[in-house]
Amino acid sequence: MKKSILFIAALFAAVAMNAREINIDLSKGVAYSSTETVMGSIAFADGVLIVNWQASAGWQHHGVAFALDNIEKVTNITFDYKGDGVAAYGDDGVCIYPYLRDAEGRRWFKKDYYPNAQNTEWQAEEFLPDNCPYDGATYQFGEQPFTSLEFIVDPSKEGQGVFYLRNVKLIVPDDQTAIDQLKTQTNVSKVIRNGQVLFIRDGKTFNALGAIVAE
């Protein structure tokens, strides 16, 4: 039993070492609407993004978009949110749809995942998109880089409301990016010292994670 616990702990540690977090700068969010004119507004204060949305008819999309720099791989998305209750919409409330948009403009959602603005206390969420139900992608998730992370509502009728976001993060594989960059440069040599693989470039020594090693 003890060995199993240690193995699981080591497994999680290995996964963590091979992944990194990208913290989304909420202050850089841009108000988004599917209508020709952006309706609603956003405001950022004390680490929280406030999204005020307003729909002039049902099934319009309103929310916020965060630009991404052509991120190629995403293994998880985490965020905190809360809503305002949206009592005017009855028992079903208003769902908040988070998704990734890729370089082809196609949107990737997680199937059967519907955070609801009825929740007025902070909710910690995580998801990974797995389908493209509206834009007809003929390729798999992750085969195109991602250019935007968006959070929208899709209310069933005219109305308005508010939802809040904080701690929005993308989890991406580390892929030993630093050392891969070293390997592609000229004048790089590899040595094994005390059982550790090291790389030497321009008189400096780097470990397998790309960090400088003291001589």
C-alpha atoms as a PDB file:
ATOM      1  CA  MET A   1       0.000   0.000   0.000  1.00  0.00           C
ATOM      2  CA  LYS A   2       2.794   2.402   0.962  1.00  0.00           C
ATOM      3  CA  LYS A   3       4.634   1.641  -2.277  1.00  0.00           C
ATOM      4  CA  SER A   4       1.459   2.360  -4.259  1.00  0.00           C
ATOM      5  CA  ILE A   5       1.018   5.720  -2.570  1.00  0.00           C
ATOM      6  CA  LEU A   6       4.647   6.622  -3.255  1.00  0.00           C
ATOM      7  CA  PHE A   7       4.275   5.555  -6.887  1.00  0.00           C
ATOM      8  CA  ILE A   8       1.149   7.697  -7.367  1.00  0.00           C
ATOM      9  CA  ALA A   9       2.857  10.671  -5.727  1.00  0.00           C
ATOM     10  CA  ALA A  10       5.865  10.231  -8.006  1.00  0.00           C
ATOM     11  CA  LEU A  11       3.589   9.968 -11.035  1.00  0.00           C
ATOM     12  CA  PHE A  12       1.854  13.245 -10.218  1.00  0.00           C
ATOM     13  CA  ALA A  13       5.210  14.889  -9.599  1.00  0.00           C
ATOM     14  CA  ALA A  14       6.456  13.725 -12.995  1.00  0.00           C
ATOM     15  CA  VAL A  15       3.364  15.104 -14.724  1.00  0.00           C
ATOM     16  CA  ALA A  16       3.764  18.429 -12.940  1.00  0.00           C
ATOM     17  CA  MET A  17       7.418  18.648 -13.964  1.00  0.00           C
ATOM     18  CA  ASN A  18       6.464  18.156 -17.609  1.00  0.00           C
ATOM     19  CA  ALA A  19       3.740  20.806 -17.640  1.00  0.00           C
ATOM     20  CA  ARG A  20       3.589  24.519 -17.122  1.00  0.00           C
ATOM     21  CA  GLU A  21       0.857  27.041 -16.456  1.00  0.00           C
ATOM     22  CA  ILE A  22       0.032  30.043 -18.567  1.00  0.00           C
ATOM     23  CA  ASN A  23      -1.739  32.658 -16.480  1.00  0.00           C
ATOM     24  CA  ILE A  24      -4.248  34.580 -18.562  1.00  0.00           C
ATOM     25  CA  ASP A  25      -3.971  38.346 -18.055  1.00  0.00           C
ATOM     26  CA  LEU A  26      -7.597  39.184 -17.337  1.00  0.00           C
ATOM     27  CA  SER A  27      -6.946  42.879 -17.832  1.00  0.00           C
ATOM     28  CA  LYS A  28      -6.321  42.141 -21.540  1.00  0.00           C
ATOM     29  CA  GLY A  29      -9.780  40.698 -22.122  1.00  0.00           C
ATOM     30  CA  VAL A  30     -11.892  42.127 -24.935  1.00  0.00           C
ATOM     31  CA  ALA A  31     -15.694  42.298 -24.842  1.00  0.00           C
ATOM     32  CA  TYR A  32     -17.188  39.963 -27.439  1.00  0.00           C
ATOM     33  CA  SER A  33     -20.611  39.711 -29.059  1.00  0.00           C
ATOM     34  CA  SER A  34     -21.879  37.670 -31.997  1.00  0.00           C
ATOM     35  CA  THR A  35     -23.939  40.701 -33.069  1.00  0.00           C
ATOM     36  CA  GLU A  36     -22.510  43.407 -35.335  1.00  0.00           C
ATOM     37  CA  THR A  37     -22.306  45.778 -32.376  1.00  0.00           C
ATOM     38  CA  VAL A  38     -20.643  44.666 -29.166  1.00  0.00           C
ATOM     39  CA  MET A  39     -23.223  44.683 -26.399  1.00  0.00           C
ATOM     40  CA  GLY A  40     -22.285  44.793 -22.734  1.00  0.00           C
ATOM     41  CA  SER A  41     -18.933  45.661 -21.185  1.00  0.00           C
ATOM     42  CA  ILE A  42     -16.096  44.264 -19.098  1.00  0.00           C
ATOM     43  CA  ALA A  43     -14.139  45.654 -16.154  1.00  0.00           C
ATOM     44  CA  PHE A  44     -11.123  44.361 -14.245  1.00  0.00           C
ATOM     45  CA  ALA A  45     -10.379  45.071 -10.575  1.00  0.00           C
ATOM     46  CA  ASP A  46      -8.609  43.265  -7.718  1.00  0.00           C
ATOM     47  CA  GLY A  47      -7.870  40.186  -9.800  1.00  0.00           C
ATOM     48  CA  VAL A  48     -11.461  39.721 -10.939  1.00  0.00           C
ATOM     49  CA  LEU A  49     -12.912  40.274 -14.400  1.00  0.00           C
ATOM     50  CA  ILE A  50     -16.516  41.471 -14.386  1.00  0.00           C
ATOM     51  CA  VAL A  51     -18.429  40.640 -17.569  1.00  0.00           C
ATOM     52  CA  ASN A  52     -21.667  42.575 -18.068  1.00  0.00           C
ATOM     53  CA  TRP A  53     -23.647  41.098 -20.934  1.00  0.00           C
ATOM     54  CA  GLN A  54     -26.783  42.281 -22.654  1.00  0.00           C
ATOM     55  CA  ALA A  55     -28.780  40.366 -25.266  1.00  0.00           C
ATOM     56  CA  SER A  56     -31.341  42.030 -27.534  1.00  0.00           C
ATOM     57  CA  ALA A  57     -32.745  38.624 -28.562  1.00  0.00           C
ATOM     58  CA  GLY A  58     -32.346  34.963 -27.789  1.00  0.00           C
ATOM     59  CA  TRP A  59     -29.336  32.845 -28.756  1.00  0.00           C
ATOM     60  CA  GLN A  60     -26.897  35.685 -29.138  1.00  0.00           C
ATOM     61  CA  HIS A  61     -23.364  35.146 -27.835  1.00  0.00           C
ATOM     62  CA  HIS A  62     -21.917  37.708 -25.441  1.00  0.00           C
ATOM     63  CA  GLY A  63     -18.862  37.595 -23.217  1.00  0.00           C
ATOM     64  CA  VAL A  64     -15.106  38.071 -23.294  1.00  0.00           C
ATOM     65  CA  ALA A  65     -12.187  36.899 -25.429  1.00  0.00           C
ATOM     66  CA  PHE A  66      -8.500  36.576 -24.520  1.00  0.00           C
ATOM     67  CA  ALA A  67      -5.978  36.500 -27.366  1.00  0.00           C
ATOM     68  CA  LEU A  68      -3.518  33.579 -27.376  1.00  0.00           C
ATOM     69  CA  ASP A  69      -0.191  33.485 -29.183  1.00  0.00           C
ATOM     70  CA  ASN A  70      -0.765  30.427 -31.387  1.00  0.00           C
ATOM     71  CA  ILE A  71      -0.523  27.933 -28.550  1.00  0.00           C
ATOM     72  CA  GLU A  72      -0.128  24.480 -30.068  1.00  0.00           C
ATOM     73  CA  LYS A  73      -0.890  22.161 -27.169  1.00  0.00           C
ATOM     74  CA  VAL A  74      -3.291  22.498 -24.242  1.00  0.00           C
ATOM     75  CA  THR A  75      -3.786  19.727 -21.681  1.00  0.00           C
ATOM     76  CA  ASN A  76      -6.163  21.476 -19.279  1.00  0.00           C
ATOM     77  CA  ILE A  77      -7.895  24.784 -18.579  1.00  0.00           C
ATOM     78  CA  THR A  78      -8.716  25.960 -15.058  1.00  0.00           C
ATOM     79  CA  PHE A  79     -10.679  28.973 -13.869  1.00  0.00           C
ATOM     80  CA  ASP A  80     -12.885  30.306 -11.099  1.00  0.00           C
ATOM     81  CA  TYR A  81     -16.252  31.841 -11.868  1.00  0.00           C
ATOM     82  CA  LYS A  82     -19.482  32.982 -10.312  1.00  0.00           C
ATOM     83  CA  GLY A  83     -22.709  34.399 -11.689  1.00  0.00           C
ATOM     84  CA  ASP A  84     -25.464  36.722 -10.570  1.00  0.00           C
ATOM     85  CA  GLY A  85     -28.327  34.235 -10.282  1.00  0.00           C
ATOM     86  CA  VAL A  86     -30.089  35.360 -13.520  1.00  0.00           C
ATOM     87  CA  ALA A  87     -33.459  34.851 -11.861  1.00  0.00           C
ATOM     88  CA  ALA A  88     -35.335  36.256 -14.875  1.00  0.00           C
ATOM     89  CA  TYR A  89     -34.420  33.149 -16.878  1.00  0.00           C
ATOM     90  CA  GLY A  90     -36.181  30.715 -14.575  1.00  0.00           C
ATOM     91  CA  ASP A  91     -34.960  27.364 -13.337  1.00  0.00           C
ATOM     92  CA  ASP A  92     -32.573  26.719 -16.205  1.00  0.00           C
ATOM     93  CA  GLY A  93     -30.610  29.916 -15.688  1.00  0.00           C
ATOM     94  CA  VAL A  94     -27.981  30.925 -18.252  1.00  0.00           C
ATOM     95  CA  CYS A  95     -25.029  28.707 -19.086  1.00  0.00           C
ATOM     96  CA  ILE A  96     -21.503  30.027 -19.467  1.00  0.00           C
ATOM     97  CA  TYR A  97     -19.639  28.404 -22.341  1.00  0.00           C
ATOM     98  CA  PRO A  98     -15.820  28.433 -22.232  1.00  0.00           C
ATOM     99  CA  TYR A  99     -14.028  27.359 -25.392  1.00  0.00           C
ATOM    100  CA  LEU A 100     -10.821  27.624 -27.402  1.00  0.00           C
ATOM    101  CA  ARG A 101     -10.813  29.127 -30.888  1.00  0.00           C
ATOM    102  CA  ASP A 102      -8.151  27.868 -33.261  1.00  0.00           C
ATOM    103  CA  ALA A 103      -6.241  29.482 -36.127  1.00  0.00           C
ATOM    104  CA  GLU A 104      -8.960  28.361 -38.562  1.00  0.00           C
ATOM    105  CA  GLY A 105     -11.583  30.191 -36.507  1.00  0.00           C
ATOM    106  CA  ARG A 106     -13.199  26.995 -35.245  1.00  0.00           C
ATOM    107  CA  ARG A 107     -14.424  26.762 -31.658  1.00  0.00           C
ATOM    108  CA  TRP A 108     -13.672  23.799 -29.399  1.00  0.00           C
ATOM    109  CA  PHE A 109     -15.954  22.998 -26.446  1.00  0.00           C
ATOM    110  CA  LYS A 110     -16.164  20.244 -23.862  1.00  0.00           C
ATOM    111  CA  LYS A 111     -19.160  18.033 -24.459  1.00  0.00           C
ATOM    112  CA  ASP A 112     -21.928  18.239 -21.843  1.00  0.00           C
ATOM    113  CA  TYR A 113     -20.140  20.911 -19.837  1.00  0.00           C
ATOM    114  CA  TYR A 114     -22.406  23.765 -18.734  1.00  0.00           C
ATOM    115  CA  PRO A 115     -21.240  26.031 -15.880  1.00  0.00           C
ATOM    116  CA  ASN A 116     -24.280  28.074 -14.887  1.00  0.00           C
ATOM    117  CA  ALA A 117     -24.577  31.749 -13.981  1.00  0.00           C
ATOM    118  CA  GLN A 118     -27.121  30.760 -11.350  1.00  0.00           C
ATOM    119  CA  ASN A 119     -24.165  29.986  -9.079  1.00  0.00           C
ATOM    120  CA  THR A 120     -23.514  33.098  -7.009  1.00  0.00           C
ATOM    121  CA  GLU A 121     -20.563  31.664  -5.057  1.00  0.00           C
ATOM    122  CA  TRP A 122     -17.111  31.126  -6.550  1.00  0.00           C
ATOM    123  CA  GLN A 123     -16.808  27.818  -8.381  1.00  0.00           C
ATOM    124  CA  ALA A 124     -13.419  26.250  -9.200  1.00  0.00           C
ATOM    125  CA  GLU A 125     -13.592  24.644 -12.635  1.00  0.00           C
ATOM    126  CA  GLU A 126     -11.389  22.705 -15.005  1.00  0.00           C
ATOM    127  CA  PHE A 127     -12.066  21.353 -18.474  1.00  0.00           C
ATOM    128  CA  LEU A 128     -10.448  20.289 -21.719  1.00  0.00           C
ATOM    129  CA  PRO A 129     -12.318  20.770 -25.004  1.00  0.00           C
ATOM    130  CA  ASP A 130     -13.074  17.570 -26.898  1.00  0.00           C
ATOM    131  CA  ASN A 131     -15.398  18.501 -29.751  1.00  0.00           C
ATOM    132  CA  CYS A 132     -16.265  21.149 -32.322  1.00  0.00           C
ATOM    133  CA  PRO A 133     -20.063  20.926 -32.587  1.00  0.00           C
ATOM    134  CA  TYR A 134     -20.811  24.124 -34.488  1.00  0.00           C
ATOM    135  CA  ASP A 135     -17.946  24.822 -36.886  1.00  0.00           C
ATOM    136  CA  GLY A 136     -17.484  21.447 -38.553  1.00  0.00           C
ATOM    137  CA  ALA A 137     -13.768  20.905 -38.069  1.00  0.00           C
ATOM    138  CA  THR A 138     -12.459  18.013 -40.169  1.00  0.00           C
ATOM    139  CA  TYR A 139      -9.384  17.613 -37.956  1.00  0.00           C
ATOM    140  CA  GLN A 140      -8.796  16.696 -34.335  1.00  0.00           C
ATOM    141  CA  PHE A 141      -8.458  18.957 -31.305  1.00  0.00           C
ATOM    142  CA  GLY A 142      -4.929  20.329 -31.125  1.00  0.00           C
ATOM    143  CA  GLU A 143      -4.067  19.901 -34.795  1.00  0.00           C
ATOM    144  CA  GLN A 144      -4.344  23.662 -35.272  1.00  0.00           C
ATOM    145  CA  PRO A 145      -2.802  26.229 -32.873  1.00  0.00           C
ATOM    146  CA  PHE A 146      -5.135  28.177 -30.620  1.00  0.00           C
ATOM    147  CA  THR A 147      -5.531  31.920 -30.988  1.00  0.00           C
ATOM    148  CA  SER A 148      -8.233  32.767 -28.447  1.00  0.00           C
ATOM    149  CA  LEU A 149      -9.801  31.616 -25.179  1.00  0.00           C
ATOM    150  CA  GLU A 150     -13.380  32.826 -24.838  1.00  0.00           C
ATOM    151  CA  PHE A 151     -16.152  32.768 -22.251  1.00  0.00           C
ATOM    152  CA  ILE A 152     -19.645  33.535 -23.501  1.00  0.00           C
ATOM    153  CA  VAL A 153     -23.286  33.234 -22.520  1.00  0.00           C
ATOM    154  CA  ASP A 154     -25.989  32.124 -24.954  1.00  0.00           C
ATOM    155  CA  PRO A 155     -29.266  33.226 -23.312  1.00  0.00           C
ATOM    156  CA  SER A 156     -32.564  31.884 -24.587  1.00  0.00           C
ATOM    157  CA  LYS A 157     -34.235  35.301 -24.756  1.00  0.00           C
ATOM    158  CA  GLU A 158     -33.631  39.020 -24.466  1.00  0.00           C
ATOM    159  CA  GLY A 159     -32.085  40.049 -21.177  1.00  0.00           C
ATOM    160  CA  GLN A 160     -28.929  40.968 -19.339  1.00  0.00           C
ATOM    161  CA  GLY A 161     -26.703  39.749 -16.548  1.00  0.00           C
ATOM    162  CA  VAL A 162     -23.213  39.518 -15.083  1.00  0.00           C
ATOM    163  CA  PHE A 163     -20.626  36.825 -14.561  1.00  0.00           C
ATOM    164  CA  TYR A 164     -17.188  36.987 -12.969  1.00  0.00           C
ATOM    165  CA  LEU A 165     -13.851  35.304 -13.728  1.00  0.00           C
ATOM    166  CA  ARG A 166     -10.577  34.918 -11.856  1.00  0.00           C
ATOM    167  CA  ASN A 167      -7.503  32.649 -11.859  1.00  0.00           C
ATOM    168  CA  VAL A 168      -7.831  31.649 -15.506  1.00  0.00           C
ATOM    169  CA  LYS A 169      -4.982  29.362 -16.559  1.00  0.00           C
ATOM    170  CA  LEU A 170      -3.973  27.148 -19.452  1.00  0.00           C
ATOM    171  CA  ILE A 171      -1.949  24.031 -18.687  1.00  0.00           C
ATOM    172  CA  VAL A 172       0.426  23.132 -21.502  1.00  0.00           C
ATOM    173  CA  PRO A 173       3.114  20.441 -21.808  1.00  0.00           C
ATOM    174  CA  ASP A 174       6.612  21.668 -21.090  1.00  0.00           C
ATOM    175  CA  ASP A 175       8.078  19.426 -23.821  1.00  0.00           C
ATOM    176  CA  GLN A 176      11.545  20.407 -22.585  1.00  0.00           C
ATOM    177  CA  THR A 177      11.199  23.557 -24.665  1.00  0.00           C
ATOM    178  CA  ALA A 178      14.297  25.194 -23.236  1.00  0.00           C
ATOM    179  CA  ILE A 179      16.601  22.304 -23.978  1.00  0.00           C
ATOM    180  CA  ASP A 180      15.051  21.699 -27.421  1.00  0.00           C
ATOM    181  CA  GLN A 181      15.968  25.270 -28.274  1.00  0.00           C
ATOM    182  CA  LEU A 182      19.509  24.622 -27.100  1.00  0.00           C
ATOM    183  CA  LYS A 183      19.803  21.504 -29.233  1.00  0.00           C
ATOM    184  CA  THR A 184      18.871  23.372 -32.413  1.00  0.00           C
ATOM    185  CA  GLN A 185      21.595  25.973 -31.915  1.00  0.00           C
ATOM    186  CA  THR A 186      25.141  25.639 -33.171  1.00  0.00           C
ATOM    187  CA  ASN A 187      28.226  25.029 -31.004  1.00  0.00           C
ATOM    188  CA  VAL A 188      26.291  22.913 -28.502  1.00  0.00           C
ATOM    189  CA  SER A 189      27.967  19.844 -27.033  1.00  0.00           C
ATOM    190  CA  LYS A 190      26.543  17.173 -24.752  1.00  0.00           C
ATOM    191  CA  VAL A 191      28.424  15.673 -21.824  1.00  0.00           C
ATOM    192  CA  ILE A 192      27.598  13.278 -19.007  1.00  0.00           C
ATOM    193  CA  ARG A 193      28.875  14.404 -15.626  1.00  0.00           C
ATOM    194  CA  ASN A 194      28.204  12.474 -12.419  1.00  0.00           C
ATOM    195  CA  GLY A 195      25.485  10.583 -14.236  1.00  0.00           C
ATOM    196  CA  GLN A 196      23.725  13.781 -15.345  1.00  0.00           C
ATOM    197  CA  VAL A 197      23.269  14.811 -18.983  1.00  0.00           C
ATOM    198  CA  LEU A 198      24.518  18.362 -19.499  1.00  0.00           C
ATOM    199  CA  PHE A 199      24.775  20.664 -22.502  1.00  0.00           C
ATOM    200  CA  ILE A 200      27.534  23.210 -23.077  1.00  0.00           C
ATOM    201  CA  ARG A 201      27.069  26.291 -25.233  1.00  0.00           C
ATOM    202  CA  ASP A 202      29.146  29.461 -25.437  1.00  0.00           C
ATOM    203  CA  GLY A 203      31.127  28.419 -22.373  1.00  0.00           C
ATOM    204  CA  LYS A 204      28.002  27.905 -20.229  1.00  0.00           C
ATOM    205  CA  THR A 205      26.657  24.602 -18.942  1.00  0.00           C
ATOM    206  CA  PHE A 206      22.925  23.806 -18.943  1.00  0.00           C
ATOM    207  CA  ASN A 207      20.992  20.897 -17.465  1.00  0.00           C
ATOM    208  CA  ALA A 208      18.205  18.988 -19.236  1.00  0.00           C
ATOM    209  CA  LEU A 209      15.677  21.624 -18.199  1.00  0.00           C
ATOM    210  CA  GLY A 210      17.659  24.448 -19.760  1.00  0.00           C
ATOM    211  CA  ALA A 211      18.839  25.908 -16.448  1.00  0.00           C
ATOM    212  CA  ILE A 212      22.431  27.099 -16.053  1.00  0.00           C
ATOM    213  CA  VAL A 213      24.541  24.769 -13.899  1.00  0.00           C
ATOM    214  CA  ALA A 214      27.275  26.228 -11.709  1.00  0.00           C
ATOM    215  CA  GLU A 215      30.770  24.933 -12.483  1.00  0.00           C
END
